[in-house]
Amino acid sequence: MADTALVLSADKYEIPDDKGVVQSLHQVWFINEYREASEKEKGSKPIKMLVDGPVFAELMKHDLPALFDLEVKTRPGKGNAVSAVVTGFKYVGTPQIFPVPAKKAA
């Protein structure tokens, strides 16, 4: 299923599992149009989702935040609970919200 989203950030983590084996995790934070405003809530809450490694590498070629059509698949997660993962994307555009400065070389 494809879902248009404003991807706010992309992060890579290396975390050891229970056996000490280092796992590379890739994730994105994004907002999409998933809820309607009411007298108790308004706006979009950021969502964190795992991303396949090759997809993460391709996302890193774009400036963020940016709009993407995300391809999302479900698979079994911890305790066999459903886990959603971004498995592909199509770049839509980069709205000029505010610039994010690049880190300066040391």
PDB file of N, CA and C in Angstrom:
ATOM      1  N   MET A   1       0.840  -1.172   0.000  1.00  0.00           N
ATOM      2  CA  MET A   1       0.000   0.000   0.000  1.00  0.00           C
ATOM      3  C   MET A   1       0.885   1.235   0.000  1.00  0.00           C
ATOM      4  N   ALA A   2       0.511   2.253  -0.737  1.00  0.00           N
ATOM      5  CA  ALA A   2       1.278   3.499  -0.782  1.00  0.00           C
ATOM      6  C   ALA A   2       0.582   4.541   0.089  1.00  0.00           C
ATOM      7  N   ASP A   3       1.382   5.356   0.741  1.00  0.00           N
ATOM      8  CA  ASP A   3       0.863   6.383   1.633  1.00  0.00           C
ATOM      9  C   ASP A   3       1.721   7.632   1.459  1.00  0.00           C
ATOM     10  N   THR A   4       1.119   8.765   1.101  1.00  0.00           N
ATOM     11  CA  THR A   4       1.883   9.997   0.960  1.00  0.00           C
ATOM     12  C   THR A   4       2.206  10.530   2.346  1.00  0.00           C
ATOM     13  N   ALA A   5       3.480  10.863   2.550  1.00  0.00           N
ATOM     14  CA  ALA A   5       3.931  11.296   3.868  1.00  0.00           C
ATOM     15  C   ALA A   5       5.012  12.354   3.740  1.00  0.00           C
ATOM     16  N   LEU A   6       5.064  13.229   4.726  1.00  0.00           N
ATOM     17  CA  LEU A   6       6.161  14.184   4.853  1.00  0.00           C
ATOM     18  C   LEU A   6       7.185  13.541   5.777  1.00  0.00           C
ATOM     19  N   VAL A   7       8.292  13.069   5.203  1.00  0.00           N
ATOM     20  CA  VAL A   7       9.344  12.431   5.992  1.00  0.00           C
ATOM     21  C   VAL A   7      10.165  13.536   6.636  1.00  0.00           C
ATOM     22  N   LEU A   8      10.184  13.529   7.957  1.00  0.00           N
ATOM     23  CA  LEU A   8      10.866  14.566   8.727  1.00  0.00           C
ATOM     24  C   LEU A   8      12.334  14.239   8.945  1.00  0.00           C
ATOM     25  N   SER A   9      12.638  12.977   9.244  1.00  0.00           N
ATOM     26  CA  SER A   9      14.022  12.598   9.508  1.00  0.00           C
ATOM     27  C   SER A   9      14.223  11.119   9.230  1.00  0.00           C
ATOM     28  N   ALA A  10      15.484  10.739   9.049  1.00  0.00           N
ATOM     29  CA  ALA A  10      15.877   9.349   8.844  1.00  0.00           C
ATOM     30  C   ALA A  10      17.097   9.092   9.721  1.00  0.00           C
ATOM     31  N   ASP A  11      17.083   7.966  10.431  1.00  0.00           N
ATOM     32  CA  ASP A  11      18.158   7.663  11.377  1.00  0.00           C
ATOM     33  C   ASP A  11      18.599   6.215  11.248  1.00  0.00           C
ATOM     34  N   LYS A  12      19.895   5.976  11.504  1.00  0.00           N
ATOM     35  CA  LYS A  12      20.452   4.625  11.522  1.00  0.00           C
ATOM     36  C   LYS A  12      21.039   4.381  12.905  1.00  0.00           C
ATOM     37  N   TYR A  13      20.714   3.222  13.461  1.00  0.00           N
ATOM     38  CA  TYR A  13      21.224   2.845  14.779  1.00  0.00           C
ATOM     39  C   TYR A  13      21.865   1.472  14.695  1.00  0.00           C
ATOM     40  N   GLU A  14      22.868   1.259  15.506  1.00  0.00           N
ATOM     41  CA  GLU A  14      23.471  -0.069  15.640  1.00  0.00           C
ATOM     42  C   GLU A  14      23.311  -0.479  17.089  1.00  0.00           C
ATOM     43  N   ILE A  15      22.506  -1.525  17.300  1.00  0.00           N
ATOM     44  CA  ILE A  15      22.128  -1.954  18.645  1.00  0.00           C
ATOM     45  C   ILE A  15      22.432  -3.434  18.793  1.00  0.00           C
ATOM     46  N   PRO A  16      23.125  -3.830  19.884  1.00  0.00           N
ATOM     47  CA  PRO A  16      23.361  -5.252  20.098  1.00  0.00           C
ATOM     48  C   PRO A  16      22.074  -5.958  20.553  1.00  0.00           C
ATOM     49  N   ASP A  17      21.855  -7.172  20.036  1.00  0.00           N
ATOM     50  CA  ASP A  17      20.685  -7.935  20.469  1.00  0.00           C
ATOM     51  C   ASP A  17      21.012  -8.707  21.755  1.00  0.00           C
ATOM     52  N   ASP A  18      20.122  -9.601  22.159  1.00  0.00           N
ATOM     53  CA  ASP A  18      20.297 -10.356  23.403  1.00  0.00           C
ATOM     54  C   ASP A  18      21.583 -11.176  23.430  1.00  0.00           C
ATOM     55  N   LYS A  19      22.066 -11.577  22.267  1.00  0.00           N
ATOM     56  CA  LYS A  19      23.267 -12.409  22.171  1.00  0.00           C
ATOM     57  C   LYS A  19      24.518 -11.596  21.877  1.00  0.00           C
ATOM     58  N   GLY A  20      24.392 -10.269  21.852  1.00  0.00           N
ATOM     59  CA  GLY A  20      25.531  -9.402  21.609  1.00  0.00           C
ATOM     60  C   GLY A  20      25.821  -9.143  20.141  1.00  0.00           C
ATOM     61  N   VAL A  21      25.007  -9.681  19.259  1.00  0.00           N
ATOM     62  CA  VAL A  21      25.182  -9.457  17.826  1.00  0.00           C
ATOM     63  C   VAL A  21      24.629  -8.072  17.490  1.00  0.00           C
ATOM     64  N   VAL A  22      25.450  -7.258  16.827  1.00  0.00           N
ATOM     65  CA  VAL A  22      25.037  -5.891  16.498  1.00  0.00           C
ATOM     66  C   VAL A  22      24.063  -5.908  15.326  1.00  0.00           C
ATOM     67  N   GLN A  23      22.904  -5.288  15.540  1.00  0.00           N
ATOM     68  CA  GLN A  23      21.868  -5.176  14.523  1.00  0.00           C
ATOM     69  C   GLN A  23      21.827  -3.734  14.017  1.00  0.00           C
ATOM     70  N   SER A  24      21.760  -3.551  12.715  1.00  0.00           N
ATOM     71  CA  SER A  24      21.584  -2.215  12.142  1.00  0.00           C
ATOM     72  C   SER A  24      20.094  -1.969  11.970  1.00  0.00           C
ATOM     73  N   LEU A  25      19.616  -0.892  12.578  1.00  0.00           N
ATOM     74  CA  LEU A  25      18.211  -0.515  12.449  1.00  0.00           C
ATOM     75  C   LEU A  25      18.130   0.818  11.715  1.00  0.00           C
ATOM     76  N   HIS A  26      17.199   0.909  10.806  1.00  0.00           N
ATOM     77  CA  HIS A  26      16.972   2.126  10.037  1.00  0.00           C
ATOM     78  C   HIS A  26      15.532   2.537  10.270  1.00  0.00           C
ATOM     79  N   GLN A  27      15.316   3.825  10.541  1.00  0.00           N
ATOM     80  CA  GLN A  27      13.951   4.278  10.781  1.00  0.00           C
ATOM     81  C   GLN A  27      13.737   5.682  10.243  1.00  0.00           C
ATOM     82  N   VAL A  28      12.479   5.995  10.016  1.00  0.00           N
ATOM     83  CA  VAL A  28      12.087   7.333   9.603  1.00  0.00           C
ATOM     84  C   VAL A  28      10.994   7.838  10.537  1.00  0.00           C
ATOM     85  N   TRP A  29      10.942   9.153  10.688  1.00  0.00           N
ATOM     86  CA  TRP A  29       9.856   9.841  11.376  1.00  0.00           C
ATOM     87  C   TRP A  29       9.114  10.605  10.300  1.00  0.00           C
ATOM     88  N   PHE A  30       7.785  10.469  10.264  1.00  0.00           N
ATOM     89  CA  PHE A  30       7.014  11.166   9.242  1.00  0.00           C
ATOM     90  C   PHE A  30       5.638  11.528   9.781  1.00  0.00           C
ATOM     91  N   ILE A  31       4.979  12.404   9.046  1.00  0.00           N
ATOM     92  CA  ILE A  31       3.576  12.696   9.314  1.00  0.00           C
ATOM     93  C   ILE A  31       2.797  12.422   8.043  1.00  0.00           C
ATOM     94  N   ASN A  32       1.555  12.012   8.242  1.00  0.00           N
ATOM     95  CA  ASN A  32       0.665  11.796   7.113  1.00  0.00           C
ATOM     96  C   ASN A  32      -0.742  12.200   7.524  1.00  0.00           C
ATOM     97  N   GLU A  33      -1.675  12.016   6.627  1.00  0.00           N
ATOM     98  CA  GLU A  33      -3.047  12.440   6.883  1.00  0.00           C
ATOM     99  C   GLU A  33      -3.835  11.224   7.386  1.00  0.00           C
ATOM    100  N   TYR A  34      -3.704  10.927   8.676  1.00  0.00           N
ATOM    101  CA  TYR A  34      -4.343   9.725   9.192  1.00  0.00           C
ATOM    102  C   TYR A  34      -5.487  10.005  10.162  1.00  0.00           C
ATOM    103  N   ARG A  35      -5.658  11.249  10.604  1.00  0.00           N
ATOM    104  CA  ARG A  35      -6.747  11.488  11.547  1.00  0.00           C
ATOM    105  C   ARG A  35      -7.457  12.802  11.236  1.00  0.00           C
ATOM    106  N   GLU A  36      -8.684  12.871  11.707  1.00  0.00           N
ATOM    107  CA  GLU A  36      -9.492  14.070  11.533  1.00  0.00           C
ATOM    108  C   GLU A  36      -9.439  14.900  12.806  1.00  0.00           C
ATOM    109  N   ALA A  37      -9.523  16.205  12.650  1.00  0.00           N
ATOM    110  CA  ALA A  37      -9.518  17.098  13.808  1.00  0.00           C
ATOM    111  C   ALA A  37     -10.837  16.952  14.568  1.00  0.00           C
ATOM    112  N   SER A  38     -10.748  17.130  15.870  1.00  0.00           N
ATOM    113  CA  SER A  38     -11.931  17.115  16.724  1.00  0.00           C
ATOM    114  C   SER A  38     -11.730  18.180  17.793  1.00  0.00           C
ATOM    115  N   GLU A  39     -12.656  18.273  18.723  1.00  0.00           N
ATOM    116  CA  GLU A  39     -12.486  19.247  19.802  1.00  0.00           C
ATOM    117  C   GLU A  39     -11.384  18.822  20.767  1.00  0.00           C
ATOM    118  N   LYS A  40     -10.908  17.576  20.675  1.00  0.00           N
ATOM    119  CA  LYS A  40      -9.852  17.090  21.561  1.00  0.00           C
ATOM    120  C   LYS A  40      -8.485  16.999  20.882  1.00  0.00           C
ATOM    121  N   GLU A  41      -8.435  17.024  19.566  1.00  0.00           N
ATOM    122  CA  GLU A  41      -7.155  16.871  18.872  1.00  0.00           C
ATOM    123  C   GLU A  41      -7.177  17.573  17.523  1.00  0.00           C
ATOM    124  N   LYS A  42      -5.988  17.998  17.109  1.00  0.00           N
ATOM    125  CA  LYS A  42      -5.839  18.689  15.830  1.00  0.00           C
ATOM    126  C   LYS A  42      -4.409  18.489  15.355  1.00  0.00           C
ATOM    127  N   GLY A  43      -4.226  18.437  14.086  1.00  0.00           N
ATOM    128  CA  GLY A  43      -2.881  18.320  13.523  1.00  0.00           C
ATOM    129  C   GLY A  43      -2.426  16.877  13.391  1.00  0.00           C
ATOM    130  N   SER A  44      -1.167  16.720  13.035  1.00  0.00           N
ATOM    131  CA  SER A  44      -0.590  15.398  12.804  1.00  0.00           C
ATOM    132  C   SER A  44       0.454  15.079  13.858  1.00  0.00           C
ATOM    133  N   LYS A  45       0.436  13.851  14.332  1.00  0.00           N
ATOM    134  CA  LYS A  45       1.474  13.381  15.244  1.00  0.00           C
ATOM    135  C   LYS A  45       2.520  12.634  14.422  1.00  0.00           C
ATOM    136  N   PRO A  46       3.815  12.852  14.699  1.00  0.00           N
ATOM    137  CA  PRO A  46       4.846  12.098  13.981  1.00  0.00           C
ATOM    138  C   PRO A  46       4.747  10.596  14.275  1.00  0.00           C
ATOM    139  N   ILE A  47       5.028   9.819  13.253  1.00  0.00           N
ATOM    140  CA  ILE A  47       5.022   8.363  13.326  1.00  0.00           C
ATOM    141  C   ILE A  47       6.443   7.883  13.074  1.00  0.00           C
ATOM    142  N   LYS A  48       6.886   6.913  13.860  1.00  0.00           N
ATOM    143  CA  LYS A  48       8.212   6.308  13.653  1.00  0.00           C
ATOM    144  C   LYS A  48       8.001   4.936  13.032  1.00  0.00           C
ATOM    145  N   MET A  49       8.757   4.648  11.957  1.00  0.00           N
ATOM    146  CA  MET A  49       8.610   3.361  11.295  1.00  0.00           C
ATOM    147  C   MET A  49       9.969   2.847  10.841  1.00  0.00           C
ATOM    148  N   LEU A  50      10.152   1.541  10.902  1.00  0.00           N
ATOM    149  CA  LEU A  50      11.379   0.924  10.403  1.00  0.00           C
ATOM    150  C   LEU A  50      11.431   1.024   8.881  1.00  0.00           C
ATOM    151  N   VAL A  51      12.653   1.041   8.360  1.00  0.00           N
ATOM    152  CA  VAL A  51      12.895   1.135   6.922  1.00  0.00           C
ATOM    153  C   VAL A  51      13.927   0.071   6.550  1.00  0.00           C
ATOM    154  N   ASP A  52      13.713  -0.623   5.432  1.00  0.00           N
ATOM    155  CA  ASP A  52      14.716  -1.564   4.947  1.00  0.00           C
ATOM    156  C   ASP A  52      16.016  -0.821   4.636  1.00  0.00           C
ATOM    157  N   GLY A  53      17.164  -1.462   4.869  1.00  0.00           N
ATOM    158  CA  GLY A  53      18.476  -0.841   4.676  1.00  0.00           C
ATOM    159  C   GLY A  53      18.679  -0.197   3.318  1.00  0.00           C
ATOM    160  N   PRO A  54      18.419  -0.895   2.215  1.00  0.00           N
ATOM    161  CA  PRO A  54      18.596  -0.277   0.894  1.00  0.00           C
ATOM    162  C   PRO A  54      17.680   0.929   0.672  1.00  0.00           C
ATOM    163  N   VAL A  55      16.474   0.884   1.219  1.00  0.00           N
ATOM    164  CA  VAL A  55      15.547   2.019   1.106  1.00  0.00           C
ATOM    165  C   VAL A  55      16.097   3.202   1.877  1.00  0.00           C
ATOM    166  N   PHE A  56      16.645   2.950   3.075  1.00  0.00           N
ATOM    167  CA  PHE A  56      17.258   4.008   3.877  1.00  0.00           C
ATOM    168  C   PHE A  56      18.379   4.690   3.089  1.00  0.00           C
ATOM    169  N   ALA A  57      19.222   3.904   2.442  1.00  0.00           N
ATOM    170  CA  ALA A  57      20.342   4.461   1.660  1.00  0.00           C
ATOM    171  C   ALA A  57      19.832   5.370   0.542  1.00  0.00           C
ATOM    172  N   GLU A  58      18.746   4.984  -0.111  1.00  0.00           N
ATOM    173  CA  GLU A  58      18.173   5.818  -1.170  1.00  0.00           C
ATOM    174  C   GLU A  58      17.533   7.083  -0.595  1.00  0.00           C
ATOM    175  N   LEU A  59      16.858   6.967   0.550  1.00  0.00           N
ATOM    176  CA  LEU A  59      16.263   8.147   1.193  1.00  0.00           C
ATOM    177  C   LEU A  59      17.329   9.170   1.564  1.00  0.00           C
ATOM    178  N   MET A  60      18.496   8.706   1.975  1.00  0.00           N
ATOM    179  CA  MET A  60      19.572   9.595   2.402  1.00  0.00           C
ATOM    180  C   MET A  60      20.116  10.446   1.249  1.00  0.00           C
ATOM    181  N   LYS A  61      19.752  10.133   0.023  1.00  0.00           N
ATOM    182  CA  LYS A  61      20.181  10.929  -1.126  1.00  0.00           C
ATOM    183  C   LYS A  61      19.334  12.194  -1.297  1.00  0.00           C
ATOM    184  N   HIS A  62      18.244  12.298  -0.526  1.00  0.00           N
ATOM    185  CA  HIS A  62      17.329  13.435  -0.617  1.00  0.00           C
ATOM    186  C   HIS A  62      17.471  14.329   0.604  1.00  0.00           C
ATOM    187  N   ASP A  63      17.235  15.623   0.408  1.00  0.00           N
ATOM    188  CA  ASP A  63      17.146  16.530   1.544  1.00  0.00           C
ATOM    189  C   ASP A  63      15.835  16.260   2.263  1.00  0.00           C
ATOM    190  N   LEU A  64      15.868  16.344   3.566  1.00  0.00           N
ATOM    191  CA  LEU A  64      14.664  16.161   4.377  1.00  0.00           C
ATOM    192  C   LEU A  64      14.413  17.418   5.175  1.00  0.00           C
ATOM    193  N   PRO A  65      13.186  17.771   5.461  1.00  0.00           N
ATOM    194  CA  PRO A  65      11.964  17.043   5.173  1.00  0.00           C
ATOM    195  C   PRO A  65      11.593  17.091   3.690  1.00  0.00           C
ATOM    196  N   ALA A  66      10.911  16.026   3.253  1.00  0.00           N
ATOM    197  CA  ALA A  66      10.461  15.934   1.871  1.00  0.00           C
ATOM    198  C   ALA A  66       9.221  15.050   1.800  1.00  0.00           C
ATOM    199  N   LEU A  67       8.449  15.241   0.743  1.00  0.00           N
ATOM    200  CA  LEU A  67       7.254  14.430   0.521  1.00  0.00           C
ATOM    201  C   LEU A  67       7.600  13.197  -0.293  1.00  0.00           C
ATOM    202  N   PHE A  68       7.064  12.057   0.146  1.00  0.00           N
ATOM    203  CA  PHE A  68       7.281  10.789  -0.539  1.00  0.00           C
ATOM    204  C   PHE A  68       5.985   9.998  -0.554  1.00  0.00           C
ATOM    205  N   ASP A  69       5.803   9.181  -1.571  1.00  0.00           N
ATOM    206  CA  ASP A  69       4.797   8.128  -1.539  1.00  0.00           C
ATOM    207  C   ASP A  69       5.534   6.907  -1.003  1.00  0.00           C
ATOM    208  N   LEU A  70       5.201   6.491   0.213  1.00  0.00           N
ATOM    209  CA  LEU A  70       5.882   5.376   0.867  1.00  0.00           C
ATOM    210  C   LEU A  70       5.175   4.063   0.564  1.00  0.00           C
ATOM    211  N   GLU A  71       5.947   3.043   0.246  1.00  0.00           N
ATOM    212  CA  GLU A  71       5.429   1.684   0.112  1.00  0.00           C
ATOM    213  C   GLU A  71       5.649   1.003   1.461  1.00  0.00           C
ATOM    214  N   VAL A  72       4.574   0.525   2.050  1.00  0.00           N
ATOM    215  CA  VAL A  72       4.636  -0.060   3.381  1.00  0.00           C
ATOM    216  C   VAL A  72       4.153  -1.503   3.323  1.00  0.00           C
ATOM    217  N   LYS A  73       4.897  -2.392   3.968  1.00  0.00           N
ATOM    218  CA  LYS A  73       4.519  -3.802   4.069  1.00  0.00           C
ATOM    219  C   LYS A  73       4.451  -4.173   5.544  1.00  0.00           C
ATOM    220  N   THR A  74       3.666  -5.171   5.853  1.00  0.00           N
ATOM    221  CA  THR A  74       3.612  -5.676   7.221  1.00  0.00           C
ATOM    222  C   THR A  74       4.330  -7.012   7.293  1.00  0.00           C
ATOM    223  N   ARG A  75       4.894  -7.278   8.478  1.00  0.00           N
ATOM    224  CA  ARG A  75       5.572  -8.553   8.730  1.00  0.00           C
ATOM    225  C   ARG A  75       5.515  -8.819  10.220  1.00  0.00           C
ATOM    226  N   PRO A  76       5.817 -10.032  10.636  1.00  0.00           N
ATOM    227  CA  PRO A  76       5.809 -10.318  12.071  1.00  0.00           C
ATOM    228  C   PRO A  76       6.938  -9.570  12.776  1.00  0.00           C
ATOM    229  N   GLY A  77       6.619  -8.993  13.912  1.00  0.00           N
ATOM    230  CA  GLY A  77       7.607  -8.297  14.722  1.00  0.00           C
ATOM    231  C   GLY A  77       7.844  -9.046  16.020  1.00  0.00           C
ATOM    232  N   LYS A  78       8.302  -8.335  17.028  1.00  0.00           N
ATOM    233  CA  LYS A  78       8.588  -8.919  18.329  1.00  0.00           C
ATOM    234  C   LYS A  78       7.321  -9.548  18.902  1.00  0.00           C
ATOM    235  N   GLY A  79       7.438 -10.774  19.379  1.00  0.00           N
ATOM    236  CA  GLY A  79       6.293 -11.473  19.931  1.00  0.00           C
ATOM    237  C   GLY A  79       5.215 -11.771  18.898  1.00  0.00           C
ATOM    238  N   ASN A  80       5.603 -11.813  17.625  1.00  0.00           N
ATOM    239  CA  ASN A  80       4.694 -12.038  16.492  1.00  0.00           C
ATOM    240  C   ASN A  80       3.639 -10.953  16.339  1.00  0.00           C
ATOM    241  N   ALA A  81       3.832  -9.793  16.991  1.00  0.00           N
ATOM    242  CA  ALA A  81       2.940  -8.653  16.765  1.00  0.00           C
ATOM    243  C   ALA A  81       3.235  -8.096  15.376  1.00  0.00           C
ATOM    244  N   VAL A  82       2.249  -7.505  14.745  1.00  0.00           N
ATOM    245  CA  VAL A  82       2.444  -6.957  13.406  1.00  0.00           C
ATOM    246  C   VAL A  82       3.425  -5.780  13.462  1.00  0.00           C
ATOM    247  N   SER A  83       4.302  -5.735  12.487  1.00  0.00           N
ATOM    248  CA  SER A  83       5.264  -4.653  12.360  1.00  0.00           C
ATOM    249  C   SER A  83       5.172  -4.123  10.933  1.00  0.00           C
ATOM    250  N   ALA A  84       5.092  -2.805  10.785  1.00  0.00           N
ATOM    251  CA  ALA A  84       5.041  -2.186   9.462  1.00  0.00           C
ATOM    252  C   ALA A  84       6.432  -1.659   9.119  1.00  0.00           C
ATOM    253  N   VAL A  85       6.844  -1.870   7.870  1.00  0.00           N
ATOM    254  CA  VAL A  85       8.173  -1.475   7.416  1.00  0.00           C
ATOM    255  C   VAL A  85       8.060  -0.772   6.070  1.00  0.00           C
ATOM    256  N   VAL A  86       8.787   0.340   5.899  1.00  0.00           N
ATOM    257  CA  VAL A  86       8.850   1.022   4.608  1.00  0.00           C
ATOM    258  C   VAL A  86       9.774   0.208   3.707  1.00  0.00           C
ATOM    259  N   THR A  87       9.244  -0.264   2.577  1.00  0.00           N
ATOM    260  CA  THR A  87      10.022  -1.113   1.673  1.00  0.00           C
ATOM    261  C   THR A  87      10.329  -0.437   0.337  1.00  0.00           C
ATOM    262  N   GLY A  88       9.837   0.780   0.142  1.00  0.00           N
ATOM    263  CA  GLY A  88      10.100   1.517  -1.085  1.00  0.00           C
ATOM    264  C   GLY A  88       9.469   2.894  -1.003  1.00  0.00           C
ATOM    265  N   PHE A  89       9.823   3.739  -1.955  1.00  0.00           N
ATOM    266  CA  PHE A  89       9.267   5.090  -1.956  1.00  0.00           C
ATOM    267  C   PHE A  89       9.392   5.707  -3.333  1.00  0.00           C
ATOM    268  N   LYS A  90       8.583   6.745  -3.539  1.00  0.00           N
ATOM    269  CA  LYS A  90       8.692   7.577  -4.734  1.00  0.00           C
ATOM    270  C   LYS A  90       8.772   9.015  -4.241  1.00  0.00           C
ATOM    271  N   TYR A  91       9.803   9.723  -4.643  1.00  0.00           N
ATOM    272  CA  TYR A  91       9.985  11.125  -4.255  1.00  0.00           C
ATOM    273  C   TYR A  91       8.904  11.976  -4.911  1.00  0.00           C
ATOM    274  N   VAL A  92       8.250  12.826  -4.124  1.00  0.00           N
ATOM    275  CA  VAL A  92       7.205  13.707  -4.632  1.00  0.00           C
ATOM    276  C   VAL A  92       7.710  15.138  -4.739  1.00  0.00           C
ATOM    277  N   GLY A  93       8.382  15.642  -3.693  1.00  0.00           N
ATOM    278  CA  GLY A  93       8.890  17.007  -3.725  1.00  0.00           C
ATOM    279  C   GLY A  93       9.388  17.450  -2.363  1.00  0.00           C
ATOM    280  N   THR A  94      10.051  18.592  -2.361  1.00  0.00           N
ATOM    281  CA  THR A  94      10.604  19.140  -1.125  1.00  0.00           C
ATOM    282  C   THR A  94       9.972  20.496  -0.852  1.00  0.00           C
ATOM    283  N   PRO A  95       9.036  20.553   0.093  1.00  0.00           N
ATOM    284  CA  PRO A  95       8.465  21.855   0.438  1.00  0.00           C
ATOM    285  C   PRO A  95       9.489  22.681   1.206  1.00  0.00           C
ATOM    286  N   GLN A  96       9.547  23.952   0.940  1.00  0.00           N
ATOM    287  CA  GLN A  96      10.507  24.820   1.636  1.00  0.00           C
ATOM    288  C   GLN A  96       9.895  25.228   2.975  1.00  0.00           C
ATOM    289  N   ILE A  97      10.142  24.438   3.998  1.00  0.00           N
ATOM    290  CA  ILE A  97       9.630  24.731   5.337  1.00  0.00           C
ATOM    291  C   ILE A  97      10.660  25.563   6.092  1.00  0.00           C
ATOM    292  N   PHE A  98      11.835  25.005   6.277  1.00  0.00           N
ATOM    293  CA  PHE A  98      12.981  25.708   6.832  1.00  0.00           C
ATOM    294  C   PHE A  98      14.211  24.871   6.523  1.00  0.00           C
ATOM    295  N   PRO A  99      15.355  25.514   6.363  1.00  0.00           N
ATOM    296  CA  PRO A  99      16.562  24.761   6.014  1.00  0.00           C
ATOM    297  C   PRO A  99      17.101  23.995   7.211  1.00  0.00           C
ATOM    298  N   VAL A 100      17.636  22.819   6.937  1.00  0.00           N
ATOM    299  CA  VAL A 100      18.308  22.034   7.963  1.00  0.00           C
ATOM    300  C   VAL A 100      19.803  22.093   7.635  1.00  0.00           C
ATOM    301  N   PRO A 101      20.593  22.725   8.513  1.00  0.00           N
ATOM    302  CA  PRO A 101      22.021  22.865   8.203  1.00  0.00           C
ATOM    303  C   PRO A 101      22.739  21.511   8.221  1.00  0.00           C
ATOM    304  N   ALA A 102      23.688  21.359   7.309  1.00  0.00           N
ATOM    305  CA  ALA A 102      24.513  20.154   7.281  1.00  0.00           C
ATOM    306  C   ALA A 102      25.586  20.282   8.367  1.00  0.00           C
ATOM    307  N   LYS A 103      26.029  19.132   8.890  1.00  0.00           N
ATOM    308  CA  LYS A 103      27.089  19.154   9.889  1.00  0.00           C
ATOM    309  C   LYS A 103      28.390  19.597   9.229  1.00  0.00           C
ATOM    310  N   LYS A 104      29.145  20.410   9.950  1.00  0.00           N
ATOM    311  CA  LYS A 104      30.423  20.859   9.427  1.00  0.00           C
ATOM    312  C   LYS A 104      31.480  19.793   9.666  1.00  0.00           C
ATOM    313  N   ALA A 105      32.380  19.642   8.708  1.00  0.00           N
ATOM    314  CA  ALA A 105      33.471  18.678   8.852  1.00  0.00           C
ATOM    315  C   ALA A 105      34.400  19.109   9.969  1.00  0.00           C
ATOM    316  N   ALA A 106      34.863  18.125  10.707  1.00  0.00           N
ATOM    317  CA  ALA A 106      35.749  18.427  11.834  1.00  0.00           C
ATOM    318  C   ALA A 106      37.158  18.662  11.384  1.00  0.00           C
TER     319      ALA A 106
END
